[in-house]
Each structure stands twice: as structure tokens, then as C-alpha cells.
Amino acid sequence: MVYLTRAEHFNAAHKLYNPAWSPEKNDEVFGKCANANWHGHNFELLVTIKGNPDPETGFIMDVKKLSLLIREHVTEKLDHRNLNIDVDFMKDKMCSIENLAIAIWDQLVNRLPACAQLHCIKLWETPRISVEYYGGV
């Protein structure tokens, strides 16, 4: 089994805010991330697939095709967008980095060719904050 990772980048804004809570409770729990005027991040996305290399090409999957798949179904929908408002697959979800990683997984998991399996989504929100998601519950 070989693991292959493709790195992509996008910029997006969001806020963490639970509408069932008071503004004070949101500020207490989420701090600056509950800013009414939003805030943004320069996200780094690592998509790792796994499989066995094709004997004729040596590839698990053509990385150019993997990049196009990620761009079409993920980064073009997220880049320079408001995650809370503009992104269909984040609708009605708390826009935490954890939920975003799960949503990105869901966008990709069934779109890979049979020769490759999605192994991990790693998403960096800041240089000091990242999450990894391996699917399932």
C-alpha cells in the first residue's frame, strides 16, 4: 500500500456562532472567532489517497487528475468564499475546522477512481492549528 498526498490552498472567511446562544455565550465560547464581521484564514489542504501503483504507470492515480478533482469539488467552492453563507456543503453546519474537514472528505470520498481510496484529509487553519480526518465515525 502506497500513500500519496496532494497539497492545495484556499482562502475563506467564517465565524463560529451558535444562533441558539446569546451573543455573550458565543463570545465566551468562541471569542474573536464569533466576530459579527467574520474573520478569514489561509487554509492549507492535504488530501492523502492510498492504493497500489499501477504496473504500467507506477501511479496510484495521476496527480494532475487528483488535483483537478480537488479543485472542482472543493477548492473552487471554498476559495474566497464565506463558509457560513456561500458554501452549499457547509449549509446548516457549525463552520469549525473539524466540520470543514469532514465536509471536504464527503465531497471527495465517492469521486475517486476504483484504484484509489481516500485515506486522510488534513486541513491547516493557521500555522498552529490543524485537523486530520480519516472518515467514519
C-alpha atoms as a PDB file:
ATOM      1  CA  MET A   1       0.000   0.000   0.000  1.00  0.00           C
ATOM      2  CA  VAL A   2       1.336   3.420  -1.009  1.00  0.00           C
ATOM      3  CA  TYR A   3       0.080   6.767   0.281  1.00  0.00           C
ATOM      4  CA  LEU A   4       0.082   9.826  -1.969  1.00  0.00           C
ATOM      5  CA  THR A   5      -0.641  13.360  -0.761  1.00  0.00           C
ATOM      6  CA  ARG A   6      -1.671  16.353  -2.819  1.00  0.00           C
ATOM      7  CA  ALA A   7      -1.470  19.835  -1.262  1.00  0.00           C
ATOM      8  CA  GLU A   8      -3.910  22.584  -2.211  1.00  0.00           C
ATOM      9  CA  HIS A   9      -4.600  26.053  -0.820  1.00  0.00           C
ATOM     10  CA  PHE A  10      -7.647  28.274  -0.387  1.00  0.00           C
ATOM     11  CA  ASN A  11      -8.631  31.436   1.469  1.00  0.00           C
ATOM     12  CA  ALA A  12     -12.001  31.705   3.163  1.00  0.00           C
ATOM     13  CA  ALA A  13     -13.906  33.608   5.825  1.00  0.00           C
ATOM     14  CA  HIS A  14     -16.186  32.261   8.509  1.00  0.00           C
ATOM     15  CA  LYS A  15     -17.410  32.816  12.010  1.00  0.00           C
ATOM     16  CA  LEU A  16     -18.154  30.454  14.817  1.00  0.00           C
ATOM     17  CA  TYR A  17     -21.529  31.364  16.219  1.00  0.00           C
ATOM     18  CA  ASN A  18     -24.362  29.285  17.629  1.00  0.00           C
ATOM     19  CA  PRO A  19     -27.646  31.108  16.908  1.00  0.00           C
ATOM     20  CA  ALA A  20     -29.326  29.294  19.816  1.00  0.00           C
ATOM     21  CA  TRP A  21     -26.967  31.067  22.223  1.00  0.00           C
ATOM     22  CA  SER A  22     -26.815  34.671  23.386  1.00  0.00           C
ATOM     23  CA  PRO A  23     -24.104  36.941  21.981  1.00  0.00           C
ATOM     24  CA  GLU A  24     -22.431  36.787  25.389  1.00  0.00           C
ATOM     25  CA  LYS A  25     -22.344  32.983  25.400  1.00  0.00           C
ATOM     26  CA  ASN A  26     -20.963  32.949  21.837  1.00  0.00           C
ATOM     27  CA  ASP A  27     -18.252  35.412  22.848  1.00  0.00           C
ATOM     28  CA  GLU A  28     -17.445  33.318  25.927  1.00  0.00           C
ATOM     29  CA  VAL A  29     -17.107  30.080  23.950  1.00  0.00           C
ATOM     30  CA  PHE A  30     -15.746  31.279  20.598  1.00  0.00           C
ATOM     31  CA  GLY A  31     -14.011  34.561  21.482  1.00  0.00           C
ATOM     32  CA  LYS A  32     -12.753  36.505  18.457  1.00  0.00           C
ATOM     33  CA  CYS A  33     -13.987  33.716  16.175  1.00  0.00           C
ATOM     34  CA  ALA A  34     -17.565  34.863  16.894  1.00  0.00           C
ATOM     35  CA  ASN A  35     -16.835  38.308  15.402  1.00  0.00           C
ATOM     36  CA  ALA A  36     -20.036  39.616  13.803  1.00  0.00           C
ATOM     37  CA  ASN A  37     -17.966  40.849  10.839  1.00  0.00           C
ATOM     38  CA  TRP A  38     -16.376  37.429  10.216  1.00  0.00           C
ATOM     39  CA  HIS A  39     -12.667  36.575  10.012  1.00  0.00           C
ATOM     40  CA  GLY A  40     -10.541  34.757   7.472  1.00  0.00           C
ATOM     41  CA  HIS A  41      -7.856  32.128   7.135  1.00  0.00           C
ATOM     42  CA  ASN A  42      -5.321  30.982   4.571  1.00  0.00           C
ATOM     43  CA  PHE A  43      -6.133  27.268   4.604  1.00  0.00           C
ATOM     44  CA  GLU A  44      -3.715  24.549   3.541  1.00  0.00           C
ATOM     45  CA  LEU A  45      -5.402  21.325   2.480  1.00  0.00           C
ATOM     46  CA  LEU A  46      -3.622  17.968   2.254  1.00  0.00           C
ATOM     47  CA  VAL A  47      -5.547  15.154   0.598  1.00  0.00           C
ATOM     48  CA  THR A  48      -3.989  11.713   1.023  1.00  0.00           C
ATOM     49  CA  ILE A  49      -5.076   8.756  -1.060  1.00  0.00           C
ATOM     50  CA  LYS A  50      -3.865   5.174  -0.846  1.00  0.00           C
ATOM     51  CA  GLY A  51      -3.576   2.250  -3.197  1.00  0.00           C
ATOM     52  CA  ASN A  52      -1.191   0.081  -5.121  1.00  0.00           C
ATOM     53  CA  PRO A  53       0.745   1.577  -8.023  1.00  0.00           C
ATOM     54  CA  ASP A  54      -0.410   0.583 -11.487  1.00  0.00           C
ATOM     55  CA  PRO A  55       2.302  -1.646 -13.007  1.00  0.00           C
ATOM     56  CA  GLU A  56       2.213   0.261 -16.318  1.00  0.00           C
ATOM     57  CA  THR A  57       2.296   3.845 -14.977  1.00  0.00           C
ATOM     58  CA  GLY A  58       3.687   3.440 -11.481  1.00  0.00           C
ATOM     59  CA  PHE A  59       0.843   5.700 -10.264  1.00  0.00           C
ATOM     60  CA  ILE A  60      -1.860   5.118  -7.679  1.00  0.00           C
ATOM     61  CA  MET A  61      -3.659   7.903  -9.530  1.00  0.00           C
ATOM     62  CA  ASP A  62      -2.493  10.612 -11.887  1.00  0.00           C
ATOM     63  CA  VAL A  63      -1.802  13.548  -9.535  1.00  0.00           C
ATOM     64  CA  LYS A  64      -2.966  16.043 -12.154  1.00  0.00           C
ATOM     65  CA  LYS A  65      -6.374  14.327 -12.178  1.00  0.00           C
ATOM     66  CA  LEU A  66      -6.417  14.274  -8.382  1.00  0.00           C
ATOM     67  CA  SER A  67      -5.660  17.998  -8.319  1.00  0.00           C
ATOM     68  CA  LEU A  68      -8.461  18.709 -10.799  1.00  0.00           C
ATOM     69  CA  LEU A  69     -10.884  16.646  -8.740  1.00  0.00           C
ATOM     70  CA  ILE A  70      -9.971  18.539  -5.550  1.00  0.00           C
ATOM     71  CA  ARG A  71     -10.227  21.889  -7.289  1.00  0.00           C
ATOM     72  CA  GLU A  72     -13.573  21.146  -8.943  1.00  0.00           C
ATOM     73  CA  HIS A  73     -15.321  19.734  -5.892  1.00  0.00           C
ATOM     74  CA  VAL A  74     -13.581  21.539  -3.045  1.00  0.00           C
ATOM     75  CA  THR A  75     -11.263  24.498  -3.534  1.00  0.00           C
ATOM     76  CA  GLU A  76     -13.269  26.284  -6.236  1.00  0.00           C
ATOM     77  CA  LYS A  77     -16.285  26.113  -3.918  1.00  0.00           C
ATOM     78  CA  LEU A  78     -14.319  27.356  -0.896  1.00  0.00           C
ATOM     79  CA  ASP A  79     -11.729  29.810  -2.194  1.00  0.00           C
ATOM     80  CA  HIS A  80     -12.505  33.449  -1.391  1.00  0.00           C
ATOM     81  CA  ARG A  81     -15.902  32.471  -0.012  1.00  0.00           C
ATOM     82  CA  ASN A  82     -17.766  32.904   3.238  1.00  0.00           C
ATOM     83  CA  LEU A  83     -18.054  29.353   4.550  1.00  0.00           C
ATOM     84  CA  ASN A  84     -21.187  30.142   6.560  1.00  0.00           C
ATOM     85  CA  ILE A  85     -23.078  31.660   3.625  1.00  0.00           C
ATOM     86  CA  ASP A  86     -21.597  30.732   0.241  1.00  0.00           C
ATOM     87  CA  VAL A  87     -20.730  27.028   0.511  1.00  0.00           C
ATOM     88  CA  ASP A  88     -23.565  24.588  -0.164  1.00  0.00           C
ATOM     89  CA  PHE A  89     -21.911  21.668   1.600  1.00  0.00           C
ATOM     90  CA  MET A  90     -21.445  23.710   4.807  1.00  0.00           C
ATOM     91  CA  LYS A  91     -25.092  24.816   4.963  1.00  0.00           C
ATOM     92  CA  ASP A  92     -26.572  24.493   8.452  1.00  0.00           C
ATOM     93  CA  LYS A  93     -23.263  23.282   9.933  1.00  0.00           C
ATOM     94  CA  MET A  94     -21.085  24.966  12.505  1.00  0.00           C
ATOM     95  CA  CYS A  95     -18.130  26.145  10.415  1.00  0.00           C
ATOM     96  CA  SER A  96     -15.405  24.727  12.628  1.00  0.00           C
ATOM     97  CA  ILE A  97     -12.244  23.340  11.065  1.00  0.00           C
ATOM     98  CA  GLU A  98     -13.334  19.894  12.254  1.00  0.00           C
ATOM     99  CA  ASN A  99     -16.656  20.080  10.412  1.00  0.00           C
ATOM    100  CA  LEU A 100     -14.979  21.558   7.347  1.00  0.00           C
ATOM    101  CA  ALA A 101     -12.539  18.621   7.141  1.00  0.00           C
ATOM    102  CA  ILE A 102     -15.446  16.154   7.362  1.00  0.00           C
ATOM    103  CA  ALA A 103     -17.368  18.045   4.665  1.00  0.00           C
ATOM    104  CA  ILE A 104     -14.321  18.050   2.365  1.00  0.00           C
ATOM    105  CA  TRP A 105     -13.993  14.275   2.866  1.00  0.00           C
ATOM    106  CA  ASP A 106     -17.654  13.867   1.915  1.00  0.00           C
ATOM    107  CA  GLN A 107     -17.064  15.853  -1.289  1.00  0.00           C
ATOM    108  CA  LEU A 108     -14.215  13.577  -2.388  1.00  0.00           C
ATOM    109  CA  VAL A 109     -14.720  10.079  -0.991  1.00  0.00           C
ATOM    110  CA  ASN A 110     -17.065   8.799  -3.720  1.00  0.00           C
ATOM    111  CA  ARG A 111     -15.392  10.615  -6.602  1.00  0.00           C
ATOM    112  CA  LEU A 112     -12.060   8.800  -6.675  1.00  0.00           C
ATOM    113  CA  PRO A 113     -11.380   6.088  -9.253  1.00  0.00           C
ATOM    114  CA  ALA A 114     -11.584   2.464  -8.090  1.00  0.00           C
ATOM    115  CA  CYS A 115      -7.781   2.213  -7.983  1.00  0.00           C
ATOM    116  CA  ALA A 116      -7.509   4.761  -5.131  1.00  0.00           C
ATOM    117  CA  GLN A 117      -9.069   5.170  -1.712  1.00  0.00           C
ATOM    118  CA  LEU A 118      -9.310   8.365   0.287  1.00  0.00           C
ATOM    119  CA  HIS A 119      -7.091   7.938   3.341  1.00  0.00           C
ATOM    120  CA  CYS A 120      -6.930  11.313   5.090  1.00  0.00           C
ATOM    121  CA  ILE A 121      -7.928  14.949   4.930  1.00  0.00           C
ATOM    122  CA  LYS A 122      -5.509  17.204   6.781  1.00  0.00           C
ATOM    123  CA  LEU A 123      -6.542  20.815   6.997  1.00  0.00           C
ATOM    124  CA  TRP A 124      -4.408  23.634   8.367  1.00  0.00           C
ATOM    125  CA  GLU A 125      -6.370  26.685   9.523  1.00  0.00           C
ATOM    126  CA  THR A 126      -3.348  28.506  10.940  1.00  0.00           C
ATOM    127  CA  PRO A 127       0.333  27.564  11.257  1.00  0.00           C
ATOM    128  CA  ARG A 128      -0.513  26.206  14.730  1.00  0.00           C
ATOM    129  CA  ILE A 129      -3.963  24.640  14.197  1.00  0.00           C
ATOM    130  CA  SER A 130      -4.764  21.662  12.001  1.00  0.00           C
ATOM    131  CA  VAL A 131      -7.085  18.671  11.973  1.00  0.00           C
ATOM    132  CA  GLU A 132      -6.883  15.250  10.391  1.00  0.00           C
ATOM    133  CA  TYR A 133      -9.919  13.218   9.368  1.00  0.00           C
ATOM    134  CA  TYR A 134      -9.819   9.572   8.317  1.00  0.00           C
ATOM    135  CA  GLY A 135     -13.515   9.025   7.591  1.00  0.00           C
ATOM    136  CA  GLY A 136     -16.176   7.217   9.524  1.00  0.00           C
ATOM    137  CA  VAL A 137     -17.486   7.909  12.954  1.00  0.00           C
END
